[in-house]
C-alpha atoms as a PDB file:
ATOM      1  CA  MET A   1      24.103 -84.211 -53.518  1.00  0.00           C
ATOM      2  CA  ALA A   2      27.294 -84.799 -51.627  1.00  0.00           C
ATOM      3  CA  ASP A   3      28.195 -81.115 -51.980  1.00  0.00           C
ATOM      4  CA  GLN A   4      24.919 -80.076 -50.381  1.00  0.00           C
ATOM      5  CA  ASP A   5      25.497 -82.252 -47.307  1.00  0.00           C
ATOM      6  CA  ARG A   6      28.918 -80.752 -46.719  1.00  0.00           C
ATOM      7  CA  THR A   7      29.188 -78.268 -43.836  1.00  0.00           C
ATOM      8  CA  PRO A   8      29.958 -74.717 -45.047  1.00  0.00           C
ATOM      9  CA  PRO A   9      33.534 -73.571 -44.387  1.00  0.00           C
ATOM     10  CA  ASP A  10      34.289 -71.619 -41.213  1.00  0.00           C
ATOM     11  CA  LEU A  11      34.819 -68.215 -42.840  1.00  0.00           C
ATOM     12  CA  LEU A  12      35.019 -66.197 -39.632  1.00  0.00           C
ATOM     13  CA  GLY A  13      37.462 -68.638 -38.050  1.00  0.00           C
ATOM     14  CA  SER A  14      39.709 -68.574 -41.094  1.00  0.00           C
ATOM     15  CA  LEU A  15      39.639 -64.762 -41.268  1.00  0.00           C
ATOM     16  CA  LEU A  16      40.579 -64.413 -37.618  1.00  0.00           C
ATOM     17  CA  SER A  17      43.278 -67.096 -37.759  1.00  0.00           C
ATOM     18  CA  GLY A  18      44.814 -65.769 -40.959  1.00  0.00           C
ATOM     19  CA  LYS A  19      44.571 -69.174 -42.677  1.00  0.00           C
ATOM     20  CA  LYS A  20      43.579 -69.200 -46.309  1.00  0.00           C
ATOM     21  CA  GLN A  21      40.111 -70.701 -46.790  1.00  0.00           C
ATOM     22  CA  GLU A  22      39.315 -73.248 -49.479  1.00  0.00           C
ATOM     23  CA  THR A  23      36.846 -71.750 -51.919  1.00  0.00           C
ATOM     24  CA  SER A  24      33.684 -73.713 -52.524  1.00  0.00           C
ATOM     25  CA  ARG A  25      33.019 -74.921 -55.998  1.00  0.00           C
ATOM     26  CA  ILE A  26      29.647 -74.326 -57.599  1.00  0.00           C
ATOM     27  CA  PRO A  27      28.553 -76.748 -60.304  1.00  0.00           C
ATOM     28  CA  GLU A  28      28.489 -75.149 -63.756  1.00  0.00           C
ATOM     29  CA  ASP A  29      24.737 -75.652 -64.119  1.00  0.00           C
ATOM     30  CA  HIS A  30      24.050 -73.712 -60.866  1.00  0.00           C
ATOM     31  CA  LYS A  31      25.775 -70.519 -61.929  1.00  0.00           C
ATOM     32  CA  ALA A  32      23.362 -67.607 -62.088  1.00  0.00           C
ATOM     33  CA  GLY A  33      23.648 -65.093 -64.838  1.00  0.00           C
ATOM     34  CA  ILE A  34      22.253 -63.984 -68.143  1.00  0.00           C
ATOM     35  CA  PRO A  35      21.313 -66.845 -70.481  1.00  0.00           C
ATOM     36  CA  GLU A  36      23.450 -67.006 -73.589  1.00  0.00           C
ATOM     37  CA  SER A  37      20.350 -66.637 -75.752  1.00  0.00           C
ATOM     38  CA  GLN A  38      19.492 -63.274 -74.164  1.00  0.00           C
ATOM     39  CA  LYS A  39      20.977 -60.194 -75.768  1.00  0.00           C
ATOM     40  CA  ILE A  40      22.926 -57.911 -73.478  1.00  0.00           C
ATOM     41  CA  ILE A  41      21.624 -54.365 -73.610  1.00  0.00           C
ATOM     42  CA  LYS A  42      24.140 -51.744 -72.671  1.00  0.00           C
ATOM     43  CA  PRO A  43      22.958 -48.408 -71.272  1.00  0.00           C
ATOM     44  CA  ALA A  44      23.146 -45.551 -73.717  1.00  0.00           C
ATOM     45  CA  LYS A  45      25.973 -43.108 -73.177  1.00  0.00           C
ATOM     46  CA  LYS A  46      24.972 -39.642 -72.057  1.00  0.00           C
ATOM     47  CA  ARG A  47      25.265 -37.156 -74.849  1.00  0.00           C
ATOM     48  CA  GLN A  48      27.402 -34.146 -74.221  1.00  0.00           C
ATOM     49  CA  PRO A  49      25.923 -30.760 -75.152  1.00  0.00           C
ATOM     50  CA  ALA A  50      27.138 -29.421 -78.477  1.00  0.00           C
ATOM     51  CA  SER A  51      28.564 -26.317 -76.873  1.00  0.00           C
ATOM     52  CA  ARG A  52      29.016 -24.882 -73.423  1.00  0.00           C
ATOM     53  CA  PRO A  53      26.420 -22.430 -72.139  1.00  0.00           C
ATOM     54  CA  ALA A  54      27.218 -18.772 -72.762  1.00  0.00           C
ATOM     55  CA  HIS A  55      27.158 -17.954 -69.040  1.00  0.00           C
ATOM     56  CA  PRO A  56      28.766 -19.972 -66.262  1.00  0.00           C
ATOM     57  CA  PRO A  57      26.363 -21.394 -63.671  1.00  0.00           C
ATOM     58  CA  LYS A  58      25.428 -18.972 -60.935  1.00  0.00           C
ATOM     59  CA  VAL A  59      26.994 -19.624 -57.569  1.00  0.00           C
ATOM     60  CA  LYS A  60      24.587 -19.118 -54.699  1.00  0.00           C
ATOM     61  CA  THR A  61      25.933 -16.664 -52.187  1.00  0.00           C
ATOM     62  CA  LYS A  62      24.522 -15.862 -48.801  1.00  0.00           C
ATOM     63  CA  GLU A  63      22.569 -12.676 -49.151  1.00  0.00           C
ATOM     64  CA  ALA A  64      21.723 -10.384 -46.301  1.00  0.00           C
ATOM     65  CA  PRO A  65      18.287 -11.312 -44.966  1.00  0.00           C
ATOM     66  CA  THR A  66      15.464  -8.944 -45.753  1.00  0.00           C
ATOM     67  CA  PRO A  67      13.004  -7.946 -43.015  1.00  0.00           C
ATOM     68  CA  GLY A  68      10.280 -10.282 -44.353  1.00  0.00           C
ATOM     69  CA  ASP A  69      12.491 -13.403 -44.439  1.00  0.00           C
ATOM     70  CA  LYS A  70      11.629 -16.191 -42.016  1.00  0.00           C
ATOM     71  CA  ILE A  71      13.888 -18.682 -40.291  1.00  0.00           C
ATOM     72  CA  LYS A  72      13.108 -21.619 -38.061  1.00  0.00           C
ATOM     73  CA  ALA A  73      14.095 -21.078 -34.429  1.00  0.00           C
ATOM     74  CA  THR A  74      13.645 -23.482 -31.546  1.00  0.00           C
ATOM     75  CA  PHE A  75      13.197 -22.376 -27.952  1.00  0.00           C
ATOM     76  CA  TYR A  76      12.239 -24.152 -24.764  1.00  0.00           C
ATOM     77  CA  ILE A  77       9.138 -22.870 -23.008  1.00  0.00           C
ATOM     78  CA  SER A  78       7.201 -24.169 -20.029  1.00  0.00           C
ATOM     79  CA  THR A  79       4.252 -26.479 -20.488  1.00  0.00           C
ATOM     80  CA  GLU A  80       1.963 -23.823 -19.047  1.00  0.00           C
ATOM     81  CA  ILE A  81       3.073 -21.228 -21.623  1.00  0.00           C
ATOM     82  CA  SER A  82       2.714 -23.781 -24.421  1.00  0.00           C
ATOM     83  CA  GLU A  83      -0.860 -24.525 -23.335  1.00  0.00           C
ATOM     84  CA  ALA A  84      -1.607 -20.798 -22.961  1.00  0.00           C
ATOM     85  CA  LEU A  85      -0.266 -20.217 -26.486  1.00  0.00           C
ATOM     86  CA  GLU A  86      -2.577 -22.953 -27.799  1.00  0.00           C
ATOM     87  CA  LEU A  87      -5.619 -21.423 -26.047  1.00  0.00           C
ATOM     88  CA  GLY A  88      -4.641 -17.916 -27.170  1.00  0.00           C
ATOM     89  CA  TRP A  89      -4.306 -19.122 -30.758  1.00  0.00           C
ATOM     90  CA  ILE A  90      -7.792 -20.664 -30.654  1.00  0.00           C
ATOM     91  CA  GLN A  91      -9.258 -17.520 -29.078  1.00  0.00           C
ATOM     92  CA  LEU A  92      -7.553 -15.232 -31.618  1.00  0.00           C
ATOM     93  CA  ARG A  93      -8.836 -17.355 -34.501  1.00  0.00           C
ATOM     94  CA  THR A  94     -12.428 -17.091 -33.218  1.00  0.00           C
ATOM     95  CA  LEU A  95     -12.065 -13.292 -32.917  1.00  0.00           C
ATOM     96  CA  THR A  96     -10.630 -12.962 -36.450  1.00  0.00           C
ATOM     97  CA  PRO A  97     -12.903 -12.662 -39.517  1.00  0.00           C
ATOM     98  CA  LYS A  98     -13.246 -15.959 -41.438  1.00  0.00           C
ATOM     99  CA  LYS A  99     -11.320 -14.702 -44.474  1.00  0.00           C
ATOM    100  CA  GLN A 100      -8.247 -13.912 -42.349  1.00  0.00           C
ATOM    101  CA  ARG A 101      -8.289 -16.896 -39.959  1.00  0.00           C
ATOM    102  CA  GLY A 102      -5.849 -18.858 -42.113  1.00  0.00           C
ATOM    103  CA  GLN A 103      -3.209 -16.183 -41.501  1.00  0.00           C
ATOM    104  CA  VAL A 104      -3.399 -16.544 -37.724  1.00  0.00           C
ATOM    105  CA  SER A 105      -0.705 -18.924 -36.502  1.00  0.00           C
ATOM    106  CA  LYS A 106       1.181 -19.576 -33.301  1.00  0.00           C
ATOM    107  CA  SER A 107       4.312 -18.337 -35.046  1.00  0.00           C
ATOM    108  CA  LEU A 108       2.547 -15.038 -35.780  1.00  0.00           C
ATOM    109  CA  ILE A 109       1.503 -14.700 -32.123  1.00  0.00           C
ATOM    110  CA  VAL A 110       5.056 -15.384 -30.914  1.00  0.00           C
ATOM    111  CA  GLU A 111       6.594 -13.010 -33.464  1.00  0.00           C
ATOM    112  CA  LEU A 112       4.198 -10.149 -32.644  1.00  0.00           C
ATOM    113  CA  SER A 113       4.614 -10.718 -28.912  1.00  0.00           C
ATOM    114  CA  LEU A 114       8.400 -10.621 -29.220  1.00  0.00           C
ATOM    115  CA  GLN A 115       8.242  -7.477 -31.352  1.00  0.00           C
ATOM    116  CA  GLU A 116       6.121  -5.720 -28.720  1.00  0.00           C
ATOM    117  CA  THR A 117       8.268  -6.928 -25.821  1.00  0.00           C
ATOM    118  CA  LEU A 118      11.558  -5.993 -27.469  1.00  0.00           C
ATOM    119  CA  GLN A 119      10.207  -2.587 -28.518  1.00  0.00           C
ATOM    120  CA  ASP A 120       9.213  -1.983 -24.880  1.00  0.00           C
ATOM    121  CA  LEU A 121      12.726  -3.014 -23.808  1.00  0.00           C
ATOM    122  CA  ARG A 122      14.294  -0.526 -26.271  1.00  0.00           C
ATOM    123  CA  ASN A 123      11.993   2.285 -25.157  1.00  0.00           C
ATOM    124  CA  GLU A 124      11.778   1.720 -21.400  1.00  0.00           C
ATOM    125  CA  GLN A 125      15.152   0.056 -20.737  1.00  0.00           C
ATOM    126  CA  THR A 126      15.337  -0.840 -17.017  1.00  0.00           C
ATOM    127  CA  ASN A 127      11.652   0.003 -16.528  1.00  0.00           C
ATOM    128  CA  SER A 128      10.487  -2.313 -19.297  1.00  0.00           C
ATOM    129  CA  ARG A 129       8.102  -5.142 -18.439  1.00  0.00           C
ATOM    130  CA  LEU A 130      10.723  -7.661 -19.595  1.00  0.00           C
ATOM    131  CA  VAL A 131      13.399  -6.324 -17.230  1.00  0.00           C
ATOM    132  CA  LEU A 132      10.955  -6.130 -14.318  1.00  0.00           C
ATOM    133  CA  LYS A 133       9.690  -9.684 -14.922  1.00  0.00           C
ATOM    134  CA  THR A 134      13.240 -11.004 -15.424  1.00  0.00           C
ATOM    135  CA  ARG A 135      14.330  -9.538 -12.076  1.00  0.00           C
ATOM    136  CA  GLY A 136      11.366 -11.175 -10.343  1.00  0.00           C
ATOM    137  CA  HIS A 137      11.781 -14.526 -12.153  1.00  0.00           C
ATOM    138  CA  LYS A 138      13.092 -17.349  -9.996  1.00  0.00           C
END
């Protein structure tokens, strides 16, 4: 009981001062652990394969992307354009046959719009809608 009433040592103070701290003593009957009557079970060792595989593991290399590959890209757009995209997506889904509605996504709308716009830029150059709108954009 006397040990329980004792104030715990000032660990932080002793660490900062560099003084060695007296270790507290725990009565033998308070030590936690595995009872002597309980058998200790050791984990089984992993078995090594009998022989090495015939081929070394393949190392993944960066392959050139194919035209159908998709990546995630993040761009900032105005709130108005974001809302217009949402309304356009809903409108396009209502105009699409039921069997194909699942294929209509905002990503598809953005991708097709960019394809059209960039094709116009390649074909029309300085007279493209993108150039004309960019010049007038404030």
